[in-house]
Amino acid sequence: MIRDASQPPSTPMKFLRHAWLVLLALLPGTLGAQQLRYVQQDTADGVLEGVVSADGMVRTFKGIPYATPPVGPLRWMPPQPVAPWTGVRRAVGYGPRPMQGRIFGDMVFHDAGPSEDCLYLNLWRPEQAKGRLPVMVWIFGGGFAAGSTSEPRQDGGNLCKKGVLVVSLNYRLGVFGFLAHPDLTRESGRGSSGNYGLLDQVAALQWVKRNIERFGGDPGNVTIFGESAGSFAVSALMASPLARGLFRRAIGESGAFFSKTLPMKPRAEAEVSGAKFAAEIGKPSIEALRAMPAQELLDAALKHEILEFWPDVDGYFLTSDCLTVFASGGQAHVPLLAGWNKDEGSYKGFFGDKEPSVGLYGELAKAKYGAKAGAFLAAYPASTDAQAKRAAQDAEGDRFIGFGTWKWLEMQRLTGRSPVYRYEFDQALPLAADAAPGAEPSAYHSGEIEFVFRVLSSKKLPWRPQDREVSELMSSYWTNFAKTGDPNGPGLARWPAYGASDGYEVMHLEADAGALPDSHRARYEFLDGP
C-alpha cells in the first residue's frame, strides 16, 4: 500500500524532519524543503518513507536495508535477514558506503561515509507509470575494493524515466567482503569461505523478488547490470546456483570472470592467502580478526594488493569456476548484452615510459611473448609508429578487460539457448579543462557509465550535442533490452544478435552508431590459445 505523506508528522518527529529538510535545502543539487512530497510504501519488513522529485516525475527510496548489518559476530558471515521495524523508516538518503580506502580518484560519494553497516539499496521509479515495470538492478564496479551506490554517475532517476524501475545496491568490499580463511570454512557448515560480497548481491536480489511488486515492479522481469567489477559479478551470478531464478536478463559493461589476468582463486589458495594475512597482522584466529576495529582491519588490508581479497571458487556461491560452469551448460540461460570500451587499457602498460615506435614494439613483443611473438604481431599488426601505439593500447585493453568479456559472450552464444548482443563503446569523452598537456580524448574504462544513466551532468566536462545523443541511444538500448530481451526499438540503428551471422556483428556505440562485423576476432582467438 502506498500512502501520501506530504503532511508533516507530530512532534518530536516534526522537529527532526524540519532539521533534515533544512540540511537538504543547504546542500547543492538537492531539493529544497518546499519542493518535496513524501510518500510511504509498505514492504515485507516495514513501512518506508521516500520522496517524489520536484517535477513530479520520479519516486525515490534510498538507504533501504536488505540485510542485518554485518558487524561484530556477523563479520564474514552470509547476509542475515533484515530485522523488521515498527513505525515509518525514512528512506531519503543513501546508506553508508562499504568500508574502503581512497583507491580510485574518479569516485565521488554522496553518503555519510564508510561503515561495515552498509547493506542498503536504493530504488527509483517513474511516478506516472502504470502496471508492473521491468526492473534493472545495478551492481557498481571498483575492483571489489571500492565503490558505492551514492556516486552521482549512478543515480537512477533519469534512466527510470524510460519506463523501468531501477535498483542499486551496496555490497561488502575488500577484506570485509572477500576474506577466505580455514576457520571460516570450518564454521560455515558448507565447507566454504569468501565471497560474502557476492552473497550480499544474492540477498539484495532476493529482497527485490519479495518486495518489488509493491513498488510497481515486475519480479518476473529483472535485469542485472553492472560495470567493471559489477560486470564480473554479473557473470558470476549467471554461474551461481544461488542466484537461479532471481533475474531474467543480464548486461555486462567491461569485465567477466573469464579473464586470464584476473582469474577467480580456488578456495584452498584463497584460504592460504587469508591465513597468511591474519598471521602477518598478529590475529591468527577469526575471533581475533572479528574483534578488530573496522578501520584498523581496513588499514592493515590496504597495505596489500586488491587481488589479495578477491572472489574465489568458494564451494557455495560457486562450486566451479565460471568457465567450467559455462562449458558444461550449467549457467543461467538468459539473454546477455555485453561489451567493453575502445580504450580499456593504455599503451603505456606495454611501452612503459619509453616513446612508442614500431621498432620498439617488435622488440617488446618478442620479450613479452617469446615463441608466440609472431602470432601476437599477426593479431596486433603495426607498420608505423602510430599503428604501434594503437596496437599496444588494444593489446593492453584486451588483456585487461576485452578478452574476458569476449569469452563470456562466446560461451553464452555457443549454447544457442538465448540471444547474445555485443557492443563496443567508441565515444571518446571530451577532455576536461584542466587535462594534462598532451592528453588525448578516449573511450576509457568506466567512461560509459554516465551515458547509460543519462547523467552526463554528473561529470564536469564540455559535453557536446553528440554526447547527449549517444547517452539517449545507449539508455534506450539498455532499457529496451530490460523490457523485452532485445535492445532494438523504433528510431534506433538495428542491433543484430551476436553470432547470428558469420560476421559476428558488433554494435559500435558512438555518434554515428551502427553494427559492423568483428574485425578483431583474431586478437581474441590468439589470447584464447595456450
Protein backbone atom coordinates (compact mmCIF):
# COMPACT_ATOMS: atom_id res chain seq x y z
CA MET A 1 0.00 0.00 0.00
CA ILE A 2 1.30 3.47 -0.95
CA ARG A 3 0.36 6.44 1.17
CA ASP A 4 0.92 10.15 0.53
CA ALA A 5 2.84 11.58 3.47
CA SER A 6 3.02 15.21 2.44
CA GLN A 7 1.74 16.42 5.79
CA PRO A 8 4.45 16.71 8.45
CA PRO A 9 4.28 14.37 11.44
CA SER A 10 3.67 15.41 15.01
CA THR A 11 6.40 16.50 17.45
CA PRO A 12 9.12 15.27 18.05
CA MET A 13 9.29 13.80 14.53
CA LYS A 14 8.16 17.18 13.15
CA PHE A 15 11.29 18.83 14.55
CA LEU A 16 13.57 16.08 13.22
CA ARG A 17 12.06 16.28 9.78
CA HIS A 18 12.37 20.07 9.75
CA ALA A 19 16.06 19.83 10.65
CA TRP A 20 16.60 17.26 7.90
CA LEU A 21 14.87 19.40 5.28
CA VAL A 22 16.88 22.44 6.23
CA LEU A 23 20.05 20.41 5.71
CA LEU A 24 18.81 19.17 2.33
CA ALA A 25 17.98 22.70 1.25
CA LEU A 26 21.51 23.83 2.06
CA LEU A 27 23.19 21.05 0.08
CA PRO A 28 23.98 21.86 -3.56
CA GLY A 29 21.97 19.89 -6.08
CA THR A 30 19.31 18.75 -3.59
CA LEU A 31 15.66 19.63 -3.39
CA GLY A 32 14.53 22.46 -1.17
CA ALA A 33 12.14 21.68 1.67
CA GLN A 34 9.18 23.29 -0.01
CA GLN A 35 9.64 21.12 -3.11
CA LEU A 36 9.50 17.69 -1.55
CA ARG A 37 6.45 15.47 -1.47
CA TYR A 38 6.70 12.50 0.83
CA VAL A 39 5.27 9.09 0.05
CA GLN A 40 5.11 5.95 2.15
CA GLN A 41 5.43 2.39 1.00
CA ASP A 42 4.81 -0.90 2.77
CA THR A 43 7.46 -3.62 2.43
CA ALA A 44 7.78 -7.09 3.87
CA ASP A 45 9.92 -5.60 6.65
CA GLY A 46 8.12 -2.36 7.48
CA VAL A 47 6.97 0.98 6.10
CA LEU A 48 9.38 3.24 4.20
CA GLU A 49 9.09 6.94 3.50
CA GLY A 50 10.56 8.27 0.28
CA VAL A 51 10.16 11.36 -1.86
CA VAL A 52 8.80 12.41 -5.23
CA SER A 53 11.01 14.73 -7.28
CA ALA A 54 10.16 18.40 -7.63
CA ASP A 55 8.97 17.88 -11.21
CA GLY A 56 6.69 15.06 -10.07
CA MET A 57 8.33 12.56 -12.42
CA VAL A 58 10.38 10.24 -10.17
CA ARG A 59 9.62 8.46 -6.91
CA THR A 60 12.77 7.61 -4.94
CA PHE A 61 13.56 5.49 -1.89
CA LYS A 62 17.17 5.41 -0.70
CA GLY A 63 19.03 3.61 2.06
CA ILE A 64 16.65 0.63 2.24
CA PRO A 65 18.13 -2.13 4.44
CA TYR A 66 18.09 -5.52 2.75
CA ALA A 67 20.05 -7.44 5.41
CA THR A 68 21.10 -7.14 9.04
CA PRO A 69 24.28 -5.04 9.48
CA PRO A 70 27.21 -7.48 9.07
CA VAL A 71 29.06 -6.32 12.18
CA GLY A 72 30.53 -8.00 15.26
CA PRO A 73 29.95 -11.76 15.11
CA LEU A 74 28.29 -11.30 11.67
CA ARG A 75 31.53 -10.07 10.10
CA TRP A 76 32.37 -12.68 7.41
CA MET A 77 29.01 -14.36 7.72
CA PRO A 78 26.49 -14.68 4.88
CA PRO A 79 23.98 -11.81 4.98
CA GLN A 80 21.23 -12.36 7.51
CA PRO A 81 17.58 -11.30 7.09
CA VAL A 82 16.86 -7.70 7.98
CA ALA A 83 15.11 -7.15 11.30
CA PRO A 84 11.57 -5.80 10.72
CA TRP A 85 10.86 -2.36 12.13
CA THR A 86 7.81 -0.65 13.51
CA GLY A 87 6.66 2.82 12.56
CA VAL A 88 7.92 4.59 9.46
CA ARG A 89 11.56 4.39 8.35
CA ARG A 90 12.93 7.35 6.40
CA ALA A 91 14.38 6.40 3.03
CA VAL A 92 15.54 9.73 1.61
CA GLY A 93 19.34 9.45 1.88
CA TYR A 94 21.94 6.92 0.77
CA GLY A 95 23.12 4.37 3.29
CA PRO A 96 26.80 4.35 4.28
CA ARG A 97 29.23 3.15 1.64
CA PRO A 98 31.14 -0.08 2.30
CA MET A 99 34.47 0.10 4.14
CA GLN A 100 37.21 1.09 1.68
CA GLY A 101 40.25 3.24 1.13
CA ARG A 102 40.73 6.04 -1.38
CA ILE A 103 41.65 3.75 -4.28
CA PHE A 104 40.15 5.34 -7.40
CA GLY A 105 40.37 9.10 -7.74
CA ASP A 106 37.35 9.41 -10.04
CA MET A 107 34.91 8.16 -7.40
CA VAL A 108 32.76 10.85 -5.77
CA PHE A 109 30.41 9.82 -2.95
CA HIS A 110 27.26 11.44 -1.59
CA ASP A 111 26.79 9.36 1.53
CA ALA A 112 27.66 9.83 5.19
CA GLY A 113 30.92 7.88 4.97
CA PRO A 114 32.20 4.31 5.07
CA SER A 115 30.85 1.75 7.51
CA GLU A 116 30.58 -2.00 7.95
CA ASP A 117 26.86 -1.32 8.27
CA CYS A 118 26.49 -0.90 4.51
CA LEU A 119 23.91 -3.37 3.21
CA TYR A 120 21.42 -0.92 1.74
CA LEU A 121 19.80 -0.48 -1.63
CA ASN A 122 18.04 2.34 -3.49
CA LEU A 123 15.06 2.45 -5.81
CA TRP A 124 13.83 4.85 -8.50
CA ARG A 125 10.59 4.55 -10.44
CA PRO A 126 8.70 6.85 -12.81
CA GLU A 127 5.88 8.43 -10.82
CA GLN A 128 3.22 8.28 -13.53
CA ALA A 129 3.94 4.73 -14.75
CA LYS A 130 1.10 2.25 -14.84
CA GLY A 131 1.27 -1.51 -14.50
CA ARG A 132 4.24 -3.62 -13.46
CA LEU A 133 7.55 -2.23 -14.68
CA PRO A 134 10.68 -4.11 -15.81
CA VAL A 135 13.32 -3.94 -13.08
CA MET A 136 17.01 -3.11 -13.61
CA VAL A 137 19.34 -3.94 -10.71
CA TRP A 138 22.70 -2.13 -10.87
CA ILE A 139 25.95 -3.50 -9.40
CA PHE A 140 28.73 -0.91 -9.17
CA GLY A 141 32.37 -1.51 -10.04
CA GLY A 142 35.62 -0.74 -8.26
CA GLY A 143 37.75 -3.87 -8.28
CA PHE A 144 35.70 -5.40 -5.44
CA ALA A 145 37.64 -2.97 -3.26
CA ALA A 146 35.92 0.41 -3.73
CA GLY A 147 32.66 1.99 -4.82
CA SER A 148 29.20 2.90 -3.63
CA THR A 149 25.68 3.43 -4.89
CA SER A 150 25.93 7.08 -3.85
CA GLU A 151 28.07 8.13 -6.81
CA PRO A 152 26.15 10.74 -8.87
CA ARG A 153 27.06 8.97 -12.11
CA GLN A 154 24.95 6.00 -10.94
CA ASP A 155 21.80 7.92 -9.99
CA GLY A 156 18.86 6.03 -11.47
CA GLY A 157 16.39 8.91 -11.66
CA ASN A 158 16.88 9.78 -15.33
CA LEU A 159 17.19 6.19 -16.50
CA CYS A 160 13.93 5.14 -14.87
CA LYS A 161 12.07 7.76 -16.92
CA LYS A 162 12.44 5.40 -19.87
CA GLY A 163 9.86 3.10 -18.34
CA VAL A 164 11.83 0.91 -15.94
CA LEU A 165 12.28 0.60 -12.20
CA VAL A 166 15.96 0.97 -11.22
CA VAL A 167 17.54 -0.55 -8.10
CA SER A 168 21.15 -0.12 -6.98
CA LEU A 169 22.80 -1.99 -4.13
CA ASN A 170 25.81 -1.80 -1.84
CA TYR A 171 27.82 -4.92 -1.04
CA ARG A 172 30.82 -5.69 1.16
CA LEU A 173 34.23 -4.96 -0.34
CA GLY A 174 37.86 -5.89 0.12
CA VAL A 175 38.84 -7.75 3.26
CA PHE A 176 35.29 -7.40 4.63
CA GLY A 177 33.71 -8.95 1.57
CA PHE A 178 36.25 -11.45 0.31
CA LEU A 179 38.48 -12.79 3.06
CA ALA A 180 38.78 -16.57 2.93
CA HIS A 181 40.23 -18.42 5.92
CA PRO A 182 40.33 -22.07 7.10
CA ASP A 183 38.41 -21.14 10.27
CA LEU A 184 35.65 -19.52 8.19
CA THR A 185 35.44 -22.63 6.06
CA ARG A 186 35.10 -24.84 9.12
CA GLU A 187 32.44 -22.73 10.82
CA SER A 188 30.35 -22.31 7.66
CA GLY A 189 28.94 -25.84 7.78
CA ARG A 190 29.22 -25.88 3.98
CA GLY A 191 32.96 -26.11 3.51
CA SER A 192 33.14 -22.60 2.06
CA SER A 193 34.55 -19.17 2.81
CA GLY A 194 34.96 -15.87 1.00
CA ASN A 195 32.53 -14.25 -1.47
CA TYR A 196 30.47 -12.51 1.22
CA GLY A 197 30.14 -9.52 -1.10
CA LEU A 198 28.67 -11.74 -3.82
CA LEU A 199 26.32 -13.33 -1.29
CA ASP A 200 25.20 -9.80 -0.42
CA GLN A 201 24.20 -9.33 -4.06
CA VAL A 202 22.12 -12.51 -3.94
CA ALA A 203 20.41 -11.26 -0.78
CA ALA A 204 19.60 -7.96 -2.48
CA LEU A 205 18.10 -9.81 -5.44
CA GLN A 206 16.04 -11.88 -3.02
CA TRP A 207 14.79 -8.62 -1.46
CA VAL A 208 13.77 -7.49 -4.95
CA LYS A 209 11.96 -10.78 -5.53
CA ARG A 210 9.99 -10.36 -2.28
CA ASN A 211 9.25 -6.65 -2.42
CA ILE A 212 9.48 -5.13 -5.87
CA GLU A 213 5.88 -5.75 -6.86
CA ARG A 214 4.80 -3.47 -4.01
CA PHE A 215 6.73 -0.65 -5.70
CA GLY A 216 5.18 -1.36 -9.09
CA GLY A 217 7.97 -3.60 -10.43
CA ASP A 218 7.69 -6.99 -12.09
CA PRO A 219 9.55 -9.64 -10.02
CA GLY A 220 9.50 -11.92 -13.05
CA ASN A 221 11.28 -9.41 -15.28
CA VAL A 222 14.53 -8.44 -13.55
CA THR A 223 17.71 -7.47 -15.43
CA ILE A 224 21.02 -7.35 -13.59
CA PHE A 225 23.62 -4.97 -14.97
CA GLY A 226 27.00 -3.78 -13.81
CA GLU A 227 30.30 -2.24 -14.84
CA SER A 228 33.87 -3.49 -14.29
CA ALA A 229 33.76 -5.50 -11.03
CA GLY A 230 29.99 -5.15 -11.29
CA SER A 231 30.14 -6.80 -14.69
CA PHE A 232 32.41 -9.53 -13.31
CA ALA A 233 29.74 -10.03 -10.64
CA VAL A 234 27.01 -10.34 -13.27
CA SER A 235 28.95 -13.16 -14.94
CA ALA A 236 29.38 -14.88 -11.56
CA LEU A 237 25.68 -14.52 -10.73
CA MET A 238 24.89 -16.22 -14.03
CA ALA A 239 27.11 -19.11 -12.94
CA SER A 240 25.89 -19.34 -9.33
CA PRO A 241 23.15 -21.80 -8.40
CA LEU A 242 22.18 -19.44 -5.54
CA ALA A 243 21.06 -16.73 -7.99
CA ARG A 244 19.00 -19.00 -10.22
CA GLY A 245 15.55 -17.61 -10.87
CA LEU A 246 16.35 -14.18 -9.41
CA PHE A 247 16.85 -12.45 -12.78
CA ARG A 248 15.71 -12.86 -16.37
CA ARG A 249 18.34 -10.95 -18.34
CA ALA A 250 21.93 -9.75 -17.87
CA ILE A 251 24.03 -6.79 -19.03
CA GLY A 252 27.79 -6.62 -18.56
CA GLU A 253 29.87 -3.50 -19.12
CA SER A 254 33.59 -4.27 -19.30
CA GLY A 255 34.50 -7.45 -17.50
CA ALA A 256 33.80 -11.09 -16.71
CA PHE A 257 35.36 -13.95 -14.77
CA PHE A 258 36.84 -15.47 -17.93
CA SER A 259 39.97 -13.36 -17.86
CA LYS A 260 43.39 -14.99 -17.70
CA THR A 261 44.82 -11.96 -15.95
CA LEU A 262 42.06 -11.56 -13.31
CA PRO A 263 41.02 -15.12 -12.50
CA MET A 264 38.91 -16.26 -9.59
CA LYS A 265 41.04 -18.07 -6.98
CA PRO A 266 40.45 -21.67 -5.90
CA ARG A 267 39.17 -21.70 -2.31
CA ALA A 268 42.22 -23.52 -0.95
CA GLU A 269 44.53 -20.87 -2.42
CA ALA A 270 42.35 -18.09 -1.02
CA GLU A 271 42.38 -19.73 2.43
CA VAL A 272 46.18 -19.87 2.46
CA SER A 273 46.32 -16.21 1.49
CA GLY A 274 43.80 -15.26 4.18
CA ALA A 275 45.58 -17.24 6.90
CA LYS A 276 48.87 -15.64 5.92
CA PHE A 277 47.34 -12.18 6.19
CA ALA A 278 45.85 -12.96 9.62
CA ALA A 279 49.17 -14.25 10.94
CA GLU A 280 51.03 -11.30 9.50
CA ILE A 281 48.93 -8.80 11.46
CA GLY A 282 49.09 -10.89 14.64
CA LYS A 283 45.45 -12.06 14.54
CA PRO A 284 45.69 -15.77 13.71
CA SER A 285 42.10 -16.65 14.64
CA ILE A 286 38.77 -15.47 13.24
CA GLU A 287 37.73 -14.45 16.76
CA ALA A 288 40.69 -12.11 16.95
CA LEU A 289 40.02 -10.75 13.49
CA ARG A 290 36.37 -10.12 14.31
CA ALA A 291 37.38 -8.23 17.43
CA MET A 292 39.48 -5.74 15.45
CA PRO A 293 38.00 -2.28 14.93
CA ALA A 294 36.88 -1.94 11.32
CA GLN A 295 39.25 0.91 10.48
CA GLU A 296 42.24 -0.94 11.95
CA LEU A 297 41.40 -4.01 9.87
CA LEU A 298 40.95 -1.90 6.76
CA ASP A 299 44.27 -0.12 7.28
CA ALA A 300 46.06 -3.45 7.52
CA ALA A 301 44.34 -4.77 4.39
CA LEU A 302 45.11 -1.66 2.36
CA LYS A 303 48.81 -2.50 2.57
CA HIS A 304 48.09 -5.45 0.28
CA GLU A 305 47.17 -5.66 -3.39
CA ILE A 306 43.50 -5.59 -4.39
CA LEU A 307 43.69 -9.17 -5.65
CA GLU A 308 44.62 -10.34 -2.15
CA PHE A 309 40.90 -10.03 -1.26
CA TRP A 310 39.18 -11.21 -4.41
CA PRO A 311 36.30 -13.58 -5.23
CA ASP A 312 37.10 -17.27 -5.04
CA VAL A 313 35.56 -20.58 -6.04
CA ASP A 314 34.21 -20.95 -2.54
CA GLY A 315 32.20 -24.16 -2.86
CA TYR A 316 28.87 -22.48 -2.05
CA PHE A 317 28.23 -19.41 -4.17
CA LEU A 318 30.24 -21.18 -6.86
CA THR A 319 31.08 -24.86 -6.94
CA SER A 320 33.27 -24.47 -10.06
CA ASP A 321 34.92 -21.57 -11.83
CA CYS A 322 32.78 -19.68 -14.34
CA LEU A 323 34.49 -21.15 -17.40
CA THR A 324 33.78 -24.69 -16.20
CA VAL A 325 30.17 -23.86 -15.35
CA PHE A 326 29.52 -22.28 -18.75
CA ALA A 327 31.36 -25.06 -20.61
CA SER A 328 29.04 -27.60 -19.01
CA GLY A 329 25.94 -25.51 -19.73
CA GLY A 330 25.25 -25.00 -16.04
CA GLN A 331 24.82 -21.23 -16.18
CA ALA A 332 21.60 -19.23 -16.30
CA HIS A 333 20.40 -19.35 -19.89
CA VAL A 334 19.23 -15.76 -20.13
CA PRO A 335 19.66 -13.10 -22.82
CA LEU A 336 23.02 -11.38 -22.45
CA LEU A 337 24.11 -7.93 -23.64
CA ALA A 338 27.78 -7.20 -23.01
CA GLY A 339 30.80 -5.42 -24.35
CA TRP A 340 33.63 -3.09 -23.48
CA ASN A 341 35.15 0.29 -24.29
CA LYS A 342 37.58 1.00 -27.08
CA ASP A 343 40.30 2.27 -24.75
CA GLU A 344 40.14 -0.06 -21.75
CA GLY A 345 43.91 -0.12 -21.46
CA SER A 346 46.83 2.22 -22.09
CA TYR A 347 49.76 1.80 -24.47
CA LYS A 348 51.94 2.79 -21.50
CA GLY A 349 51.25 -0.61 -20.00
CA PHE A 350 53.12 -2.07 -22.97
CA PHE A 351 55.80 0.57 -23.61
CA GLY A 352 56.29 1.82 -20.07
CA ASP A 353 57.98 5.21 -20.02
CA LYS A 354 59.51 4.73 -23.47
CA GLU A 355 58.29 6.54 -26.55
CA PRO A 356 56.17 4.24 -28.75
CA SER A 357 57.78 3.18 -32.01
CA VAL A 358 57.27 0.31 -34.41
CA GLY A 359 60.81 -0.95 -33.82
CA LEU A 360 60.46 -1.00 -30.04
CA TYR A 361 57.02 -2.57 -30.44
CA GLY A 362 58.54 -5.58 -32.17
CA GLU A 363 61.33 -5.88 -29.60
CA LEU A 364 58.93 -5.77 -26.65
CA ALA A 365 56.61 -8.27 -28.34
CA LYS A 366 59.48 -10.75 -28.53
CA ALA A 367 60.41 -10.10 -24.90
CA LYS A 368 56.84 -10.44 -23.66
CA TYR A 369 55.61 -13.32 -25.83
CA GLY A 370 58.73 -15.25 -26.76
CA ALA A 371 57.93 -18.01 -29.25
CA LYS A 372 54.41 -16.62 -29.66
CA ALA A 373 55.65 -13.16 -30.67
CA GLY A 374 54.97 -13.82 -34.35
CA ALA A 375 51.40 -14.83 -33.64
CA PHE A 376 50.97 -11.78 -31.41
CA LEU A 377 52.25 -9.42 -34.10
CA ALA A 378 49.94 -11.04 -36.65
CA ALA A 379 46.97 -10.44 -34.34
CA TYR A 380 48.10 -6.91 -33.43
CA PRO A 381 49.94 -5.73 -36.55
CA ALA A 382 51.74 -2.40 -36.87
CA SER A 383 53.91 -0.92 -39.60
CA THR A 384 54.17 2.68 -38.35
CA ASP A 385 54.84 4.30 -35.00
CA ALA A 386 51.22 5.46 -34.76
CA GLN A 387 49.96 1.96 -35.50
CA ALA A 388 52.32 0.51 -32.90
CA LYS A 389 50.93 2.87 -30.27
CA ARG A 390 47.34 1.91 -31.16
CA ALA A 391 48.14 -1.80 -31.31
CA ALA A 392 49.79 -1.66 -27.89
CA GLN A 393 46.75 0.16 -26.50
CA ASP A 394 44.47 -2.51 -27.95
CA ALA A 395 46.62 -5.33 -26.60
CA GLU A 396 46.61 -3.90 -23.09
CA GLY A 397 42.86 -3.30 -23.16
CA ASP A 398 42.20 -6.83 -24.40
CA ARG A 399 44.45 -8.36 -21.79
CA PHE A 400 42.80 -6.35 -19.02
CA ILE A 401 39.10 -6.47 -19.94
CA GLY A 402 38.36 -7.23 -23.58
CA PHE A 403 39.29 -10.89 -23.78
CA GLY A 404 37.43 -11.97 -20.64
CA THR A 405 34.26 -10.21 -21.78
CA TRP A 406 34.60 -11.69 -25.28
CA LYS A 407 35.00 -15.20 -23.86
CA TRP A 408 31.86 -14.71 -21.73
CA LEU A 409 29.87 -13.72 -24.81
CA GLU A 410 31.28 -16.63 -26.77
CA MET A 411 30.44 -19.18 -24.10
CA GLN A 412 26.87 -17.93 -23.80
CA ARG A 413 26.49 -17.72 -27.59
CA LEU A 414 27.66 -21.30 -28.11
CA THR A 415 24.79 -22.70 -26.06
CA GLY A 416 22.37 -21.35 -28.63
CA ARG A 417 19.69 -21.17 -25.96
CA SER A 418 19.40 -17.40 -25.53
CA PRO A 419 20.26 -14.34 -27.63
CA VAL A 420 23.53 -12.50 -27.12
CA TYR A 421 24.31 -8.90 -28.08
CA ARG A 422 27.80 -7.42 -28.20
CA TYR A 423 28.86 -3.77 -28.23
CA GLU A 424 31.95 -1.59 -28.33
CA PHE A 425 31.72 1.86 -26.73
CA ASP A 426 33.67 4.13 -29.09
CA GLN A 427 32.54 7.60 -28.00
CA ALA A 428 35.71 9.39 -26.88
CA LEU A 429 34.88 11.64 -23.94
CA PRO A 430 35.81 15.33 -24.24
CA LEU A 431 38.81 16.46 -22.24
CA ALA A 432 38.39 18.37 -19.01
CA ALA A 433 39.54 21.98 -18.91
CA ASP A 434 42.43 21.01 -16.62
CA ALA A 435 43.53 17.98 -18.63
CA ALA A 436 47.26 17.32 -18.66
CA PRO A 437 49.24 18.63 -21.63
CA GLY A 438 49.28 16.07 -24.43
CA ALA A 439 46.22 14.23 -23.14
CA GLU A 440 44.07 12.66 -25.84
CA PRO A 441 40.31 12.08 -25.79
CA SER A 442 39.48 8.40 -25.34
CA ALA A 443 36.69 5.95 -24.61
CA TYR A 444 38.32 4.87 -21.37
CA HIS A 445 37.35 2.25 -18.78
CA SER A 446 34.17 3.32 -16.95
CA GLY A 447 33.56 6.21 -19.37
CA GLU A 448 30.22 4.82 -20.49
CA ILE A 449 28.51 4.88 -17.07
CA GLU A 450 27.24 8.46 -17.29
CA PHE A 451 25.92 7.73 -20.79
CA VAL A 452 23.91 4.70 -19.68
CA PHE A 453 22.36 6.51 -16.71
CA ARG A 454 21.66 9.73 -18.69
CA VAL A 455 23.62 11.80 -16.16
CA LEU A 456 26.37 13.45 -18.20
CA SER A 457 25.93 16.48 -15.95
CA SER A 458 27.39 14.45 -13.06
CA LYS A 459 30.84 14.92 -14.62
CA LYS A 460 32.22 18.39 -15.33
CA LEU A 461 33.24 18.04 -18.96
CA PRO A 462 32.50 20.21 -22.01
CA TRP A 463 29.80 17.86 -23.25
CA ARG A 464 28.74 18.15 -26.90
CA PRO A 465 25.33 17.53 -28.51
CA GLN A 466 26.62 14.24 -29.93
CA ASP A 467 27.48 13.03 -26.43
CA ARG A 468 23.90 13.60 -25.34
CA GLU A 469 22.68 11.77 -28.44
CA VAL A 470 24.84 8.76 -27.56
CA SER A 471 23.53 8.84 -23.99
CA GLU A 472 19.93 8.74 -25.25
CA LEU A 473 20.86 5.94 -27.64
CA MET A 474 22.53 3.77 -25.00
CA SER A 475 19.87 4.27 -22.36
CA SER A 476 17.23 3.30 -24.93
CA TYR A 477 19.11 0.16 -25.95
CA TRP A 478 19.64 -0.82 -22.31
CA THR A 479 16.04 -0.25 -21.23
CA ASN A 480 14.62 -1.92 -24.35
CA PHE A 481 16.71 -4.97 -23.53
CA ALA A 482 15.40 -4.94 -19.96
CA LYS A 483 11.83 -4.80 -21.24
CA THR A 484 11.98 -7.48 -23.93
CA GLY A 485 15.41 -9.15 -24.08
CA ASP A 486 16.08 -7.30 -27.36
CA PRO A 487 17.77 -3.85 -27.43
CA ASN A 488 16.14 -2.81 -30.70
CA GLY A 489 13.32 -0.31 -30.91
CA PRO A 490 11.81 2.46 -33.02
CA GLY A 491 14.23 5.12 -34.21
CA LEU A 492 17.35 3.14 -33.27
CA ALA A 493 20.05 1.72 -35.51
CA ARG A 494 19.46 -2.02 -35.86
CA TRP A 495 21.50 -4.12 -33.43
CA PRO A 496 21.78 -7.71 -34.70
CA ALA A 497 22.31 -10.61 -32.34
CA TYR A 498 25.98 -11.55 -31.97
CA GLY A 499 26.90 -14.64 -33.94
CA ALA A 500 23.61 -14.71 -35.84
CA SER A 501 25.73 -14.42 -38.99
CA ASP A 502 29.29 -15.33 -39.89
CA GLY A 503 30.32 -11.71 -39.37
CA TYR A 504 29.89 -11.76 -35.57
CA GLU A 505 28.43 -8.27 -35.72
CA VAL A 506 29.27 -5.74 -33.02
CA MET A 507 27.26 -2.60 -32.27
CA HIS A 508 29.62 0.38 -32.20
CA LEU A 509 28.18 2.91 -29.78
CA GLU A 510 29.20 6.39 -30.89
CA ALA A 511 27.70 9.45 -32.57
CA ASP A 512 27.37 7.54 -35.84
CA ALA A 513 26.30 4.26 -34.26
CA GLY A 514 25.98 1.10 -36.27
CA ALA A 515 26.71 -2.62 -36.34
CA LEU A 516 29.80 -3.94 -38.12
CA PRO A 517 31.36 -7.41 -38.46
CA ASP A 518 34.00 -8.11 -35.82
CA SER A 519 37.33 -7.17 -37.41
CA HIS A 520 39.37 -8.16 -34.36
CA ARG A 521 38.37 -11.76 -33.80
CA ALA A 522 41.94 -12.92 -34.45
CA ARG A 523 43.07 -10.97 -31.39
CA TYR A 524 40.77 -12.83 -29.02
CA GLU A 525 41.47 -16.19 -30.64
CA PHE A 526 45.19 -15.54 -30.08
CA LEU A 527 44.57 -14.74 -26.42
CA ASP A 528 42.32 -17.78 -26.15
CA GLY A 529 45.16 -20.05 -27.19
CA PRO A 530 47.62 -21.87 -24.92
